Amino acid sequence: MVNPVQVRALLDAVRQVGRTRGPRMVAMFACMYYAALRPEEASGLRRQNCDLPAEGWGLITLEKARPQANKRWTNSGETHDERGLKHRAADDTREIPIPPVLVATLREHIETYGAAKDGRIFRTSKGRPFSSSAYSAVWQGARRLALTPEQVVSPLAARPYDLRHAAVSLWLNAGVPPTEVAQRAGHGVDVLLRVYAKCLEGQRDRANGQITKALED
């Protein structure tokens, strides 16, 4: 699993991929790691969904996602169609507290590139959503720049989606309660416990120590 130091190196490398394409995607990849957004959720992120204070933690309130599909299968005839959040009711939202590093990254991105008329933050220089093939290609370019040759051919952060997995694992290993992690990540608790069981197993000694302390008080 990619660690925070490696993620920072990868995000720095994203800036170096292409003249404009990579720099426009840095904050999008940062959202996948620091907020555990799915790629389609990052694609649909709007300025009005982001509370970005000058200091401290901020908040993302997700409303819509923009998954990519064949034009034949979208309601709009576009390659990206706006839909509700995965595993949620059509009009439901999801609040995700975001750390200062992501707040600063989003503020810088918006200051540099602005937002579309509908508030969308991440888009090409022509205002179109990034295709999955485009951001995957940039990610692979960043991996070649930031990782060792052995790591490049390994599964380490092989896909942008792996940033989300790394985020959820980090939260669990940091001792954040599974119910809170599930809420932030948009998982059901049962799915979270099944998919990330190894992370939870690693907390057994810590939990035993906390219980021991509580019993002695």
N, C-alpha and C. Protein backbone atom coordinates (compact mmCIF):
# COMPACT_ATOMS: atom_id res chain seq x y z
N MET A 1 0.84 -1.20 0.00
CA MET A 1 0.00 0.00 0.00
C MET A 1 0.88 1.25 0.00
N VAL A 2 0.57 2.20 -0.87
CA VAL A 2 1.37 3.42 -0.97
C VAL A 2 1.24 4.22 0.33
N ASN A 3 2.36 4.82 0.78
CA ASN A 3 2.35 5.56 2.03
C ASN A 3 2.33 7.07 1.76
N PRO A 4 2.13 7.90 2.81
CA PRO A 4 2.01 9.35 2.59
C PRO A 4 3.22 9.98 1.91
N VAL A 5 4.43 9.52 2.25
CA VAL A 5 5.63 10.08 1.62
C VAL A 5 5.60 9.78 0.11
N GLN A 6 5.27 8.56 -0.24
CA GLN A 6 5.21 8.18 -1.65
C GLN A 6 4.11 8.94 -2.39
N VAL A 7 2.99 9.16 -1.71
CA VAL A 7 1.90 9.92 -2.35
C VAL A 7 2.35 11.35 -2.65
N ARG A 8 3.04 11.97 -1.71
CA ARG A 8 3.51 13.33 -1.95
C ARG A 8 4.46 13.37 -3.14
N ALA A 9 5.32 12.37 -3.25
CA ALA A 9 6.24 12.31 -4.39
C ALA A 9 5.47 12.10 -5.69
N LEU A 10 4.45 11.27 -5.66
CA LEU A 10 3.65 11.03 -6.86
C LEU A 10 2.89 12.29 -7.29
N LEU A 11 2.34 13.02 -6.33
CA LEU A 11 1.62 14.25 -6.68
C LEU A 11 2.57 15.30 -7.26
N ASP A 12 3.78 15.37 -6.71
CA ASP A 12 4.78 16.29 -7.29
C ASP A 12 5.12 15.86 -8.72
N ALA A 13 5.19 14.56 -8.94
CA ALA A 13 5.50 14.06 -10.28
C ALA A 13 4.37 14.32 -11.26
N VAL A 14 3.13 14.30 -10.80
CA VAL A 14 1.99 14.59 -11.68
C VAL A 14 2.16 15.97 -12.32
N ARG A 15 2.68 16.92 -11.55
CA ARG A 15 2.88 18.28 -12.07
C ARG A 15 3.84 18.31 -13.26
N GLN A 16 4.68 17.30 -13.35
CA GLN A 16 5.71 17.29 -14.40
C GLN A 16 5.27 16.55 -15.67
N VAL A 17 4.08 15.99 -15.65
CA VAL A 17 3.60 15.21 -16.80
C VAL A 17 2.83 16.11 -17.75
N GLY A 18 3.41 16.37 -18.90
CA GLY A 18 2.75 17.23 -19.88
C GLY A 18 2.86 18.69 -19.50
N ARG A 19 2.57 19.55 -20.46
CA ARG A 19 2.70 21.00 -20.22
C ARG A 19 1.57 21.53 -19.36
N THR A 20 0.34 21.09 -19.60
CA THR A 20 -0.80 21.58 -18.83
C THR A 20 -1.64 20.46 -18.23
N ARG A 21 -1.64 19.29 -18.86
CA ARG A 21 -2.56 18.23 -18.43
C ARG A 21 -2.25 17.77 -17.01
N GLY A 22 -0.99 17.45 -16.74
CA GLY A 22 -0.62 17.00 -15.40
C GLY A 22 -0.93 18.03 -14.31
N PRO A 23 -0.47 19.28 -14.47
CA PRO A 23 -0.76 20.28 -13.44
C PRO A 23 -2.25 20.45 -13.15
N ARG A 24 -3.09 20.27 -14.15
CA ARG A 24 -4.54 20.41 -13.93
C ARG A 24 -5.12 19.24 -13.14
N MET A 25 -4.38 18.14 -13.01
CA MET A 25 -4.91 16.95 -12.35
C MET A 25 -4.38 16.74 -10.94
N VAL A 26 -3.41 17.54 -10.51
CA VAL A 26 -2.80 17.33 -9.20
C VAL A 26 -3.85 17.33 -8.10
N ALA A 27 -4.68 18.34 -8.06
CA ALA A 27 -5.68 18.46 -7.00
C ALA A 27 -6.73 17.35 -7.09
N MET A 28 -7.03 16.88 -8.29
CA MET A 28 -7.99 15.80 -8.45
C MET A 28 -7.46 14.52 -7.81
N PHE A 29 -6.19 14.19 -8.09
CA PHE A 29 -5.58 13.02 -7.46
C PHE A 29 -5.47 13.21 -5.95
N ALA A 30 -5.19 14.44 -5.52
CA ALA A 30 -5.10 14.72 -4.09
C ALA A 30 -6.44 14.45 -3.40
N CYS A 31 -7.53 14.74 -4.08
CA CYS A 31 -8.86 14.46 -3.51
C CYS A 31 -9.08 12.95 -3.34
N MET A 32 -8.54 12.17 -4.26
CA MET A 32 -8.70 10.72 -4.17
C MET A 32 -7.95 10.17 -2.96
N TYR A 33 -6.85 10.82 -2.58
CA TYR A 33 -6.07 10.32 -1.45
C TYR A 33 -6.50 10.96 -0.13
N TYR A 34 -6.55 12.28 -0.08
CA TYR A 34 -6.80 12.94 1.19
C TYR A 34 -8.28 12.94 1.59
N ALA A 35 -9.18 12.73 0.63
CA ALA A 35 -10.61 12.67 0.94
C ALA A 35 -11.23 11.33 0.55
N ALA A 36 -10.43 10.41 0.02
CA ALA A 36 -10.90 9.08 -0.39
C ALA A 36 -12.03 9.17 -1.42
N LEU A 37 -11.97 10.15 -2.32
CA LEU A 37 -13.00 10.26 -3.35
C LEU A 37 -12.78 9.19 -4.42
N ARG A 38 -13.86 8.65 -4.93
CA ARG A 38 -13.79 7.83 -6.14
C ARG A 38 -13.48 8.76 -7.31
N PRO A 39 -12.84 8.25 -8.39
CA PRO A 39 -12.54 9.13 -9.54
C PRO A 39 -13.76 9.86 -10.07
N GLU A 40 -14.92 9.18 -10.15
CA GLU A 40 -16.11 9.84 -10.67
C GLU A 40 -16.64 10.90 -9.71
N GLU A 41 -16.36 10.73 -8.41
CA GLU A 41 -16.76 11.75 -7.44
C GLU A 41 -15.88 12.98 -7.57
N ALA A 42 -14.59 12.76 -7.76
CA ALA A 42 -13.68 13.89 -7.97
C ALA A 42 -14.05 14.64 -9.24
N SER A 43 -14.40 13.90 -10.28
CA SER A 43 -14.77 14.53 -11.55
C SER A 43 -15.98 15.44 -11.40
N GLY A 44 -16.91 15.08 -10.50
CA GLY A 44 -18.11 15.87 -10.33
C GLY A 44 -18.01 16.94 -9.26
N LEU A 45 -16.83 17.09 -8.62
CA LEU A 45 -16.69 18.05 -7.53
C LEU A 45 -16.88 19.48 -8.03
N ARG A 46 -17.65 20.27 -7.29
CA ARG A 46 -17.93 21.66 -7.65
C ARG A 46 -17.41 22.60 -6.57
N ARG A 47 -17.15 23.82 -6.98
CA ARG A 47 -16.64 24.83 -6.04
C ARG A 47 -17.58 25.00 -4.85
N GLN A 48 -18.87 24.98 -5.12
CA GLN A 48 -19.85 25.20 -4.05
C GLN A 48 -19.94 24.01 -3.09
N ASN A 49 -19.31 22.88 -3.46
CA ASN A 49 -19.28 21.72 -2.56
C ASN A 49 -18.12 21.79 -1.57
N CYS A 50 -17.27 22.81 -1.70
CA CYS A 50 -16.02 22.85 -0.93
C CYS A 50 -16.00 24.03 0.03
N ASP A 51 -15.82 23.76 1.30
CA ASP A 51 -15.58 24.78 2.31
C ASP A 51 -14.09 24.78 2.57
N LEU A 52 -13.42 25.85 2.12
CA LEU A 52 -11.95 25.90 2.13
C LEU A 52 -11.47 27.09 2.94
N PRO A 53 -11.41 26.94 4.26
CA PRO A 53 -10.98 28.06 5.11
C PRO A 53 -9.50 28.39 4.92
N ALA A 54 -9.12 29.58 5.31
CA ALA A 54 -7.72 30.00 5.19
C ALA A 54 -6.82 29.17 6.10
N GLU A 55 -7.35 28.65 7.21
CA GLU A 55 -6.57 27.84 8.14
C GLU A 55 -7.41 26.65 8.60
N GLY A 56 -6.72 25.57 8.95
CA GLY A 56 -7.39 24.42 9.54
C GLY A 56 -8.07 23.51 8.53
N TRP A 57 -8.90 22.63 9.05
CA TRP A 57 -9.59 21.64 8.24
C TRP A 57 -10.75 22.27 7.48
N GLY A 58 -11.02 21.70 6.31
CA GLY A 58 -12.15 22.13 5.50
C GLY A 58 -13.19 21.02 5.41
N LEU A 59 -14.11 21.17 4.46
CA LEU A 59 -15.18 20.20 4.32
C LEU A 59 -15.60 20.11 2.86
N ILE A 60 -15.74 18.88 2.38
CA ILE A 60 -16.34 18.62 1.07
C ILE A 60 -17.71 18.01 1.30
N THR A 61 -18.72 18.55 0.64
CA THR A 61 -20.07 17.99 0.70
C THR A 61 -20.41 17.48 -0.69
N LEU A 62 -20.29 16.17 -0.86
CA LEU A 62 -20.53 15.57 -2.18
C LEU A 62 -22.02 15.50 -2.47
N GLU A 63 -22.37 15.86 -3.70
CA GLU A 63 -23.76 15.78 -4.14
C GLU A 63 -23.92 14.88 -5.35
N LYS A 64 -22.98 14.97 -6.30
CA LYS A 64 -23.11 14.25 -7.56
C LYS A 64 -21.77 13.62 -7.93
N ALA A 65 -21.84 12.62 -8.78
CA ALA A 65 -20.65 12.01 -9.37
C ALA A 65 -20.80 12.08 -10.88
N ARG A 66 -19.68 11.99 -11.60
CA ARG A 66 -19.73 12.03 -13.06
C ARG A 66 -18.99 10.82 -13.63
N PRO A 67 -19.60 9.63 -13.54
CA PRO A 67 -18.94 8.44 -14.09
C PRO A 67 -18.87 8.50 -15.61
N GLN A 68 -17.80 7.93 -16.17
CA GLN A 68 -17.64 7.88 -17.62
C GLN A 68 -18.29 6.62 -18.16
N ALA A 69 -18.96 6.77 -19.28
CA ALA A 69 -19.59 5.62 -19.94
C ALA A 69 -19.67 5.90 -21.42
N ASN A 70 -20.03 4.89 -22.19
CA ASN A 70 -20.26 5.08 -23.62
C ASN A 70 -21.43 6.05 -23.80
N LYS A 71 -21.35 6.94 -24.79
CA LYS A 71 -22.41 7.92 -25.03
C LYS A 71 -23.79 7.27 -25.17
N ARG A 72 -23.81 6.04 -25.69
CA ARG A 72 -25.09 5.37 -25.91
C ARG A 72 -25.81 5.09 -24.60
N TRP A 73 -25.06 5.04 -23.49
CA TRP A 73 -25.65 4.62 -22.23
C TRP A 73 -25.82 5.76 -21.24
N THR A 74 -25.53 6.99 -21.63
CA THR A 74 -25.75 8.12 -20.73
C THR A 74 -27.04 8.81 -21.09
N ASN A 75 -27.65 9.49 -20.11
CA ASN A 75 -28.90 10.19 -20.35
C ASN A 75 -28.72 11.43 -21.21
N SER A 76 -27.52 12.01 -21.14
CA SER A 76 -27.27 13.27 -21.82
C SER A 76 -26.68 13.12 -23.21
N GLY A 77 -26.19 11.92 -23.55
CA GLY A 77 -25.49 11.75 -24.81
C GLY A 77 -24.03 12.13 -24.72
N GLU A 78 -23.57 12.56 -23.53
CA GLU A 78 -22.17 12.90 -23.31
C GLU A 78 -21.43 11.67 -22.77
N THR A 79 -20.08 11.74 -22.79
CA THR A 79 -19.30 10.61 -22.29
C THR A 79 -19.36 10.53 -20.77
N HIS A 80 -19.67 11.64 -20.10
CA HIS A 80 -19.84 11.65 -18.65
C HIS A 80 -21.28 12.05 -18.35
N ASP A 81 -21.91 11.35 -17.43
CA ASP A 81 -23.29 11.64 -17.07
C ASP A 81 -23.35 11.90 -15.58
N GLU A 82 -24.12 12.90 -15.18
CA GLU A 82 -24.22 13.25 -13.78
C GLU A 82 -25.21 12.32 -13.08
N ARG A 83 -24.76 11.73 -11.98
CA ARG A 83 -25.60 10.79 -11.24
C ARG A 83 -25.44 11.01 -9.74
N GLY A 84 -26.33 10.38 -8.97
CA GLY A 84 -26.20 10.43 -7.53
C GLY A 84 -24.99 9.64 -7.06
N LEU A 85 -24.71 9.74 -5.77
CA LEU A 85 -23.54 9.07 -5.21
C LEU A 85 -23.77 7.57 -5.10
N LYS A 86 -22.69 6.81 -5.24
CA LYS A 86 -22.77 5.36 -5.15
C LYS A 86 -23.24 4.94 -3.76
N HIS A 87 -24.14 3.95 -3.72
CA HIS A 87 -24.68 3.41 -2.47
C HIS A 87 -25.50 4.44 -1.70
N ARG A 88 -25.98 5.49 -2.36
CA ARG A 88 -26.77 6.51 -1.68
C ARG A 88 -28.05 6.79 -2.48
N ALA A 89 -29.05 7.35 -1.79
CA ALA A 89 -30.25 7.79 -2.48
C ALA A 89 -29.90 8.91 -3.45
N ALA A 90 -30.76 9.09 -4.46
CA ALA A 90 -30.45 10.03 -5.55
C ALA A 90 -30.16 11.44 -5.06
N ASP A 91 -30.85 11.88 -3.99
CA ASP A 91 -30.69 13.25 -3.51
C ASP A 91 -29.87 13.33 -2.23
N ASP A 92 -29.18 12.24 -1.89
CA ASP A 92 -28.40 12.20 -0.66
C ASP A 92 -27.05 12.88 -0.86
N THR A 93 -26.42 13.30 0.23
CA THR A 93 -25.10 13.93 0.18
C THR A 93 -24.17 13.19 1.15
N ARG A 94 -22.87 13.51 1.05
CA ARG A 94 -21.88 12.90 1.94
C ARG A 94 -20.87 13.96 2.34
N GLU A 95 -20.71 14.17 3.63
CA GLU A 95 -19.77 15.17 4.13
C GLU A 95 -18.44 14.51 4.47
N ILE A 96 -17.36 15.12 4.00
CA ILE A 96 -16.02 14.58 4.22
C ILE A 96 -15.11 15.70 4.75
N PRO A 97 -14.74 15.67 6.02
CA PRO A 97 -13.75 16.63 6.50
C PRO A 97 -12.42 16.41 5.76
N ILE A 98 -11.76 17.51 5.39
CA ILE A 98 -10.51 17.38 4.63
C ILE A 98 -9.38 18.11 5.35
N PRO A 99 -8.18 17.51 5.36
CA PRO A 99 -7.05 18.10 6.10
C PRO A 99 -6.52 19.36 5.42
N PRO A 100 -5.79 20.17 6.18
CA PRO A 100 -5.27 21.43 5.63
C PRO A 100 -4.48 21.28 4.34
N VAL A 101 -3.74 20.17 4.16
CA VAL A 101 -2.95 20.00 2.94
C VAL A 101 -3.86 19.95 1.72
N LEU A 102 -5.01 19.32 1.82
CA LEU A 102 -5.94 19.28 0.69
C LEU A 102 -6.66 20.61 0.52
N VAL A 103 -6.98 21.26 1.63
CA VAL A 103 -7.58 22.60 1.55
C VAL A 103 -6.68 23.53 0.74
N ALA A 104 -5.39 23.53 1.07
CA ALA A 104 -4.44 24.40 0.38
C ALA A 104 -4.30 24.02 -1.09
N THR A 105 -4.30 22.73 -1.39
CA THR A 105 -4.17 22.27 -2.77
C THR A 105 -5.37 22.70 -3.60
N LEU A 106 -6.57 22.57 -3.04
CA LEU A 106 -7.77 22.97 -3.77
C LEU A 106 -7.84 24.49 -3.94
N ARG A 107 -7.46 25.22 -2.92
CA ARG A 107 -7.45 26.69 -3.04
C ARG A 107 -6.50 27.14 -4.15
N GLU A 108 -5.32 26.52 -4.20
CA GLU A 108 -4.35 26.86 -5.24
C GLU A 108 -4.89 26.51 -6.63
N HIS A 109 -5.52 25.33 -6.73
CA HIS A 109 -6.06 24.91 -8.03
C HIS A 109 -7.14 25.88 -8.51
N ILE A 110 -8.05 26.24 -7.63
CA ILE A 110 -9.15 27.13 -8.02
C ILE A 110 -8.62 28.52 -8.37
N GLU A 111 -7.63 28.98 -7.61
CA GLU A 111 -7.03 30.28 -7.92
C GLU A 111 -6.37 30.27 -9.29
N THR A 112 -5.77 29.14 -9.65
CA THR A 112 -5.05 29.04 -10.93
C THR A 112 -5.98 28.80 -12.10
N TYR A 113 -6.95 27.89 -11.94
CA TYR A 113 -7.76 27.45 -13.08
C TYR A 113 -9.23 27.86 -13.00
N GLY A 114 -9.65 28.42 -11.88
CA GLY A 114 -11.04 28.82 -11.75
C GLY A 114 -11.97 27.62 -11.72
N ALA A 115 -13.21 27.85 -12.07
CA ALA A 115 -14.22 26.79 -12.11
C ALA A 115 -15.13 27.02 -13.30
N ALA A 116 -15.78 25.95 -13.75
CA ALA A 116 -16.73 26.06 -14.86
C ALA A 116 -17.98 26.82 -14.40
N LYS A 117 -18.84 27.16 -15.33
CA LYS A 117 -20.05 27.91 -14.99
C LYS A 117 -20.91 27.18 -13.98
N ASP A 118 -20.92 25.85 -14.06
CA ASP A 118 -21.71 25.07 -13.10
C ASP A 118 -20.93 24.76 -11.84
N GLY A 119 -19.72 25.29 -11.73
CA GLY A 119 -18.92 25.11 -10.53
C GLY A 119 -17.92 23.98 -10.58
N ARG A 120 -17.94 23.17 -11.66
CA ARG A 120 -17.00 22.03 -11.73
C ARG A 120 -15.56 22.53 -11.67
N ILE A 121 -14.77 21.83 -10.85
CA ILE A 121 -13.39 22.26 -10.62
C ILE A 121 -12.42 21.61 -11.59
N PHE A 122 -12.62 20.33 -11.88
CA PHE A 122 -11.63 19.59 -12.66
C PHE A 122 -12.11 19.40 -14.09
N ARG A 123 -11.36 19.96 -15.05
CA ARG A 123 -11.73 19.91 -16.46
C ARG A 123 -10.51 20.24 -17.29
N THR A 124 -10.59 19.93 -18.57
CA THR A 124 -9.51 20.23 -19.50
C THR A 124 -9.47 21.73 -19.78
N SER A 125 -8.46 22.16 -20.52
CA SER A 125 -8.36 23.58 -20.88
C SER A 125 -9.53 24.02 -21.75
N LYS A 126 -10.23 23.04 -22.37
CA LYS A 126 -11.41 23.35 -23.19
C LYS A 126 -12.71 23.16 -22.41
N GLY A 127 -12.59 22.88 -21.12
CA GLY A 127 -13.77 22.79 -20.29
C GLY A 127 -14.44 21.44 -20.22
N ARG A 128 -13.81 20.42 -20.80
CA ARG A 128 -14.39 19.08 -20.81
C ARG A 128 -13.91 18.26 -19.61
N PRO A 129 -14.70 17.30 -19.13
CA PRO A 129 -14.22 16.42 -18.06
C PRO A 129 -13.05 15.59 -18.56
N PHE A 130 -12.14 15.26 -17.66
CA PHE A 130 -11.04 14.38 -18.03
C PHE A 130 -11.56 12.97 -18.25
N SER A 131 -11.12 12.34 -19.33
CA SER A 131 -11.49 10.95 -19.56
C SER A 131 -10.66 10.05 -18.65
N SER A 132 -11.17 8.86 -18.39
CA SER A 132 -10.42 7.93 -17.54
C SER A 132 -9.09 7.55 -18.19
N SER A 133 -9.07 7.47 -19.52
CA SER A 133 -7.81 7.13 -20.20
C SER A 133 -6.79 8.26 -20.05
N ALA A 134 -7.27 9.51 -20.02
CA ALA A 134 -6.36 10.66 -19.88
C ALA A 134 -5.74 10.69 -18.49
N TYR A 135 -6.56 10.57 -17.45
CA TYR A 135 -5.96 10.66 -16.12
C TYR A 135 -5.18 9.40 -15.76
N SER A 136 -5.54 8.26 -16.35
CA SER A 136 -4.74 7.05 -16.12
C SER A 136 -3.37 7.18 -16.77
N ALA A 137 -3.32 7.77 -17.96
CA ALA A 137 -2.04 7.96 -18.64
C ALA A 137 -1.13 8.91 -17.86
N VAL A 138 -1.71 9.99 -17.32
CA VAL A 138 -0.92 10.92 -16.51
C VAL A 138 -0.41 10.22 -15.25
N TRP A 139 -1.26 9.40 -14.66
CA TRP A 139 -0.86 8.70 -13.44
C TRP A 139 0.31 7.75 -13.71
N GLN A 140 0.25 7.03 -14.81
CA GLN A 140 1.34 6.12 -15.14
C GLN A 140 2.62 6.89 -15.41
N GLY A 141 2.51 8.05 -16.03
CA GLY A 141 3.68 8.89 -16.24
C GLY A 141 4.29 9.35 -14.92
N ALA A 142 3.44 9.70 -13.97
CA ALA A 142 3.91 10.13 -12.66
C ALA A 142 4.58 8.97 -11.91
N ARG A 143 4.03 7.77 -12.03
CA ARG A 143 4.63 6.61 -11.37
C ARG A 143 6.05 6.37 -11.89
N ARG A 144 6.23 6.53 -13.20
CA ARG A 144 7.57 6.31 -13.78
C ARG A 144 8.57 7.36 -13.28
N LEU A 145 8.07 8.55 -12.98
CA LEU A 145 8.96 9.61 -12.49
C LEU A 145 9.25 9.47 -11.00
N ALA A 146 8.28 9.04 -10.21
CA ALA A 146 8.40 9.09 -8.75
C ALA A 146 8.86 7.79 -8.11
N LEU A 147 8.61 6.66 -8.78
CA LEU A 147 8.89 5.37 -8.17
C LEU A 147 10.15 4.73 -8.75
N THR A 148 10.68 3.77 -8.04
CA THR A 148 11.83 3.01 -8.54
C THR A 148 11.37 2.08 -9.66
N PRO A 149 12.29 1.60 -10.50
CA PRO A 149 11.89 0.65 -11.55
C PRO A 149 11.18 -0.57 -11.00
N GLU A 150 11.61 -1.05 -9.84
CA GLU A 150 10.97 -2.22 -9.23
C GLU A 150 9.55 -1.89 -8.80
N GLN A 151 9.35 -0.69 -8.28
CA GLN A 151 8.01 -0.29 -7.85
C GLN A 151 7.08 -0.05 -9.03
N VAL A 152 7.64 0.46 -10.12
CA VAL A 152 6.82 0.74 -11.30
C VAL A 152 6.16 -0.52 -11.84
N VAL A 153 6.87 -1.63 -11.83
CA VAL A 153 6.32 -2.88 -12.36
C VAL A 153 5.55 -3.66 -11.29
N SER A 154 5.48 -3.11 -10.09
CA SER A 154 4.74 -3.75 -9.00
C SER A 154 3.31 -3.20 -8.96
N PRO A 155 2.44 -3.76 -8.12
CA PRO A 155 1.07 -3.23 -8.01
C PRO A 155 0.97 -1.94 -7.19
N LEU A 156 2.09 -1.41 -6.71
CA LEU A 156 2.05 -0.23 -5.85
C LEU A 156 1.40 0.96 -6.55
N ALA A 157 0.27 1.43 -6.02
CA ALA A 157 -0.44 2.58 -6.59
C ALA A 157 -0.60 2.44 -8.10
N ALA A 158 -0.93 1.23 -8.54
CA ALA A 158 -0.99 0.95 -9.98
C ALA A 158 -2.08 1.74 -10.68
N ARG A 159 -3.16 2.05 -9.96
CA ARG A 159 -4.28 2.78 -10.55
C ARG A 159 -4.60 4.00 -9.69
N PRO A 160 -5.16 5.05 -10.27
CA PRO A 160 -5.59 6.18 -9.44
C PRO A 160 -6.53 5.75 -8.32
N TYR A 161 -7.38 4.76 -8.58
CA TYR A 161 -8.34 4.30 -7.56
C TYR A 161 -7.62 3.77 -6.32
N ASP A 162 -6.37 3.32 -6.49
CA ASP A 162 -5.63 2.80 -5.35
C ASP A 162 -5.34 3.89 -4.32
N LEU A 163 -5.40 5.15 -4.73
CA LEU A 163 -5.24 6.25 -3.78
C LEU A 163 -6.37 6.23 -2.75
N ARG A 164 -7.57 5.94 -3.21
CA ARG A 164 -8.72 5.84 -2.30
C ARG A 164 -8.53 4.69 -1.31
N HIS A 165 -8.09 3.54 -1.81
CA HIS A 165 -7.83 2.41 -0.91
C HIS A 165 -6.78 2.78 0.13
N ALA A 166 -5.73 3.47 -0.31
CA ALA A 166 -4.67 3.87 0.61
C ALA A 166 -5.21 4.82 1.68
N ALA A 167 -6.11 5.71 1.29
CA ALA A 167 -6.69 6.66 2.24
C ALA A 167 -7.49 5.95 3.31
N VAL A 168 -8.37 5.05 2.89
CA VAL A 168 -9.21 4.33 3.84
C VAL A 168 -8.34 3.49 4.79
N SER A 169 -7.31 2.84 4.24
CA SER A 169 -6.42 2.04 5.07
C SER A 169 -5.68 2.92 6.08
N LEU A 170 -5.25 4.10 5.64
CA LEU A 170 -4.55 5.03 6.53
C LEU A 170 -5.46 5.44 7.69
N TRP A 171 -6.70 5.78 7.38
CA TRP A 171 -7.64 6.20 8.43
C TRP A 171 -7.86 5.08 9.45
N LEU A 172 -8.07 3.87 8.95
CA LEU A 172 -8.30 2.75 9.86
C LEU A 172 -7.08 2.47 10.72
N ASN A 173 -5.90 2.49 10.10
CA ASN A 173 -4.67 2.23 10.85
C ASN A 173 -4.36 3.34 11.85
N ALA A 174 -4.90 4.54 11.59
CA ALA A 174 -4.71 5.65 12.52
C ALA A 174 -5.65 5.55 13.72
N GLY A 175 -6.57 4.58 13.67
CA GLY A 175 -7.49 4.38 14.79
C GLY A 175 -8.81 5.09 14.67
N VAL A 176 -9.12 5.63 13.49
CA VAL A 176 -10.43 6.25 13.29
C VAL A 176 -11.50 5.15 13.34
N PRO A 177 -12.57 5.34 14.10
CA PRO A 177 -13.60 4.29 14.21
C PRO A 177 -14.15 3.89 12.84
N PRO A 178 -14.37 2.60 12.62
CA PRO A 178 -14.88 2.13 11.32
C PRO A 178 -16.18 2.81 10.89
N THR A 179 -17.05 3.14 11.84
CA THR A 179 -18.30 3.81 11.46
C THR A 179 -18.02 5.19 10.84
N GLU A 180 -17.03 5.89 11.40
CA GLU A 180 -16.67 7.21 10.86
C GLU A 180 -15.98 7.06 9.51
N VAL A 181 -15.09 6.09 9.39
CA VAL A 181 -14.41 5.85 8.11
C VAL A 181 -15.42 5.50 7.04
N ALA A 182 -16.38 4.63 7.36
CA ALA A 182 -17.39 4.22 6.40
C ALA A 182 -18.20 5.42 5.94
N GLN A 183 -18.55 6.30 6.85
CA GLN A 183 -19.33 7.48 6.49
C GLN A 183 -18.55 8.39 5.56
N ARG A 184 -17.27 8.63 5.87
CA ARG A 184 -16.46 9.52 5.04
C ARG A 184 -16.21 8.92 3.66
N ALA A 185 -16.00 7.60 3.62
CA ALA A 185 -15.66 6.94 2.35
C ALA A 185 -16.88 6.57 1.52
N GLY A 186 -18.07 6.65 2.10
CA GLY A 186 -19.26 6.28 1.36
C GLY A 186 -19.42 4.78 1.22
N HIS A 187 -18.97 4.06 2.23
CA HIS A 187 -19.11 2.60 2.29
C HIS A 187 -20.21 2.24 3.29
N GLY A 188 -20.78 1.06 3.14
CA GLY A 188 -21.51 0.48 4.24
C GLY A 188 -20.50 -0.09 5.22
N VAL A 189 -20.82 -0.08 6.50
CA VAL A 189 -19.88 -0.58 7.50
C VAL A 189 -19.55 -2.04 7.25
N ASP A 190 -20.55 -2.83 6.83
CA ASP A 190 -20.30 -4.26 6.57
C ASP A 190 -19.30 -4.45 5.45
N VAL A 191 -19.41 -3.64 4.39
CA VAL A 191 -18.46 -3.72 3.27
C VAL A 191 -17.08 -3.29 3.74
N LEU A 192 -17.01 -2.22 4.50
CA LEU A 192 -15.73 -1.73 5.01
C LEU A 192 -15.03 -2.81 5.82
N LEU A 193 -15.76 -3.44 6.72
CA LEU A 193 -15.15 -4.47 7.58
C LEU A 193 -14.66 -5.66 6.78
N ARG A 194 -15.37 -5.97 5.71
CA ARG A 194 -14.97 -7.12 4.89
C ARG A 194 -13.75 -6.80 4.02
N VAL A 195 -13.77 -5.63 3.38
CA VAL A 195 -12.70 -5.27 2.44
C VAL A 195 -11.40 -4.92 3.16
N TYR A 196 -11.52 -4.27 4.32
CA TYR A 196 -10.33 -3.78 5.01
C TYR A 196 -10.09 -4.53 6.32
N ALA A 197 -10.44 -5.81 6.34
CA ALA A 197 -10.29 -6.61 7.56
C ALA A 197 -8.86 -6.63 8.07
N LYS A 198 -7.87 -6.67 7.17
CA LYS A 198 -6.47 -6.74 7.60
C LYS A 198 -6.06 -5.51 8.39
N CYS A 199 -6.57 -4.34 7.98
CA CYS A 199 -6.26 -3.11 8.70
C CYS A 199 -6.81 -3.18 10.12
N LEU A 200 -8.02 -3.70 10.24
CA LEU A 200 -8.66 -3.77 11.55
C LEU A 200 -7.98 -4.80 12.44
N GLU A 201 -7.53 -5.91 11.84
CA GLU A 201 -6.83 -6.92 12.61
C GLU A 201 -5.55 -6.35 13.21
N GLY A 202 -4.93 -5.43 12.49
CA GLY A 202 -3.69 -4.84 12.97
C GLY A 202 -3.86 -3.94 14.17
N GLN A 203 -5.12 -3.59 14.49
CA GLN A 203 -5.37 -2.71 15.63
C GLN A 203 -5.69 -3.48 16.91
N ARG A 204 -5.62 -4.81 16.85
CA ARG A 204 -6.04 -5.60 18.00
C ARG A 204 -5.23 -5.27 19.25
N ASP A 205 -3.90 -5.20 19.11
CA ASP A 205 -3.07 -4.91 20.28
C ASP A 205 -3.38 -3.53 20.85
N ARG A 206 -3.60 -2.57 19.96
CA ARG A 206 -3.93 -1.22 20.42
C ARG A 206 -5.26 -1.23 21.17
N ALA A 207 -6.24 -1.94 20.62
CA ALA A 207 -7.55 -2.02 21.26
C ALA A 207 -7.44 -2.70 22.62
N ASN A 208 -6.65 -3.78 22.69
CA ASN A 208 -6.48 -4.47 23.97
C ASN A 208 -5.88 -3.53 25.02
N GLY A 209 -4.92 -2.74 24.60
CA GLY A 209 -4.31 -1.79 25.53
C GLY A 209 -5.30 -0.74 26.01
N GLN A 210 -6.17 -0.25 25.09
CA GLN A 210 -7.17 0.75 25.47
C GLN A 210 -8.17 0.16 26.46
N ILE A 211 -8.58 -1.10 26.20
CA ILE A 211 -9.52 -1.75 27.11
C ILE A 211 -8.90 -1.97 28.49
N THR A 212 -7.64 -2.41 28.49
CA THR A 212 -6.94 -2.60 29.77
C THR A 212 -6.89 -1.32 30.57
N LYS A 213 -6.56 -0.22 29.90
CA LYS A 213 -6.49 1.09 30.58
C LYS A 213 -7.85 1.48 31.14
N ALA A 214 -8.92 1.25 30.35
CA ALA A 214 -10.25 1.61 30.80
C ALA A 214 -10.67 0.79 32.02
N LEU A 215 -10.28 -0.48 32.04
CA LEU A 215 -10.64 -1.35 33.17
C LEU A 215 -9.90 -0.96 34.44
N GLU A 216 -8.73 -0.37 34.28
CA GLU A 216 -7.93 0.00 35.45
C GLU A 216 -8.33 1.34 36.04
N ASP A 217 -9.05 2.15 35.26
CA ASP A 217 -9.44 3.49 35.74
C ASP A 217 -10.50 3.40 36.84
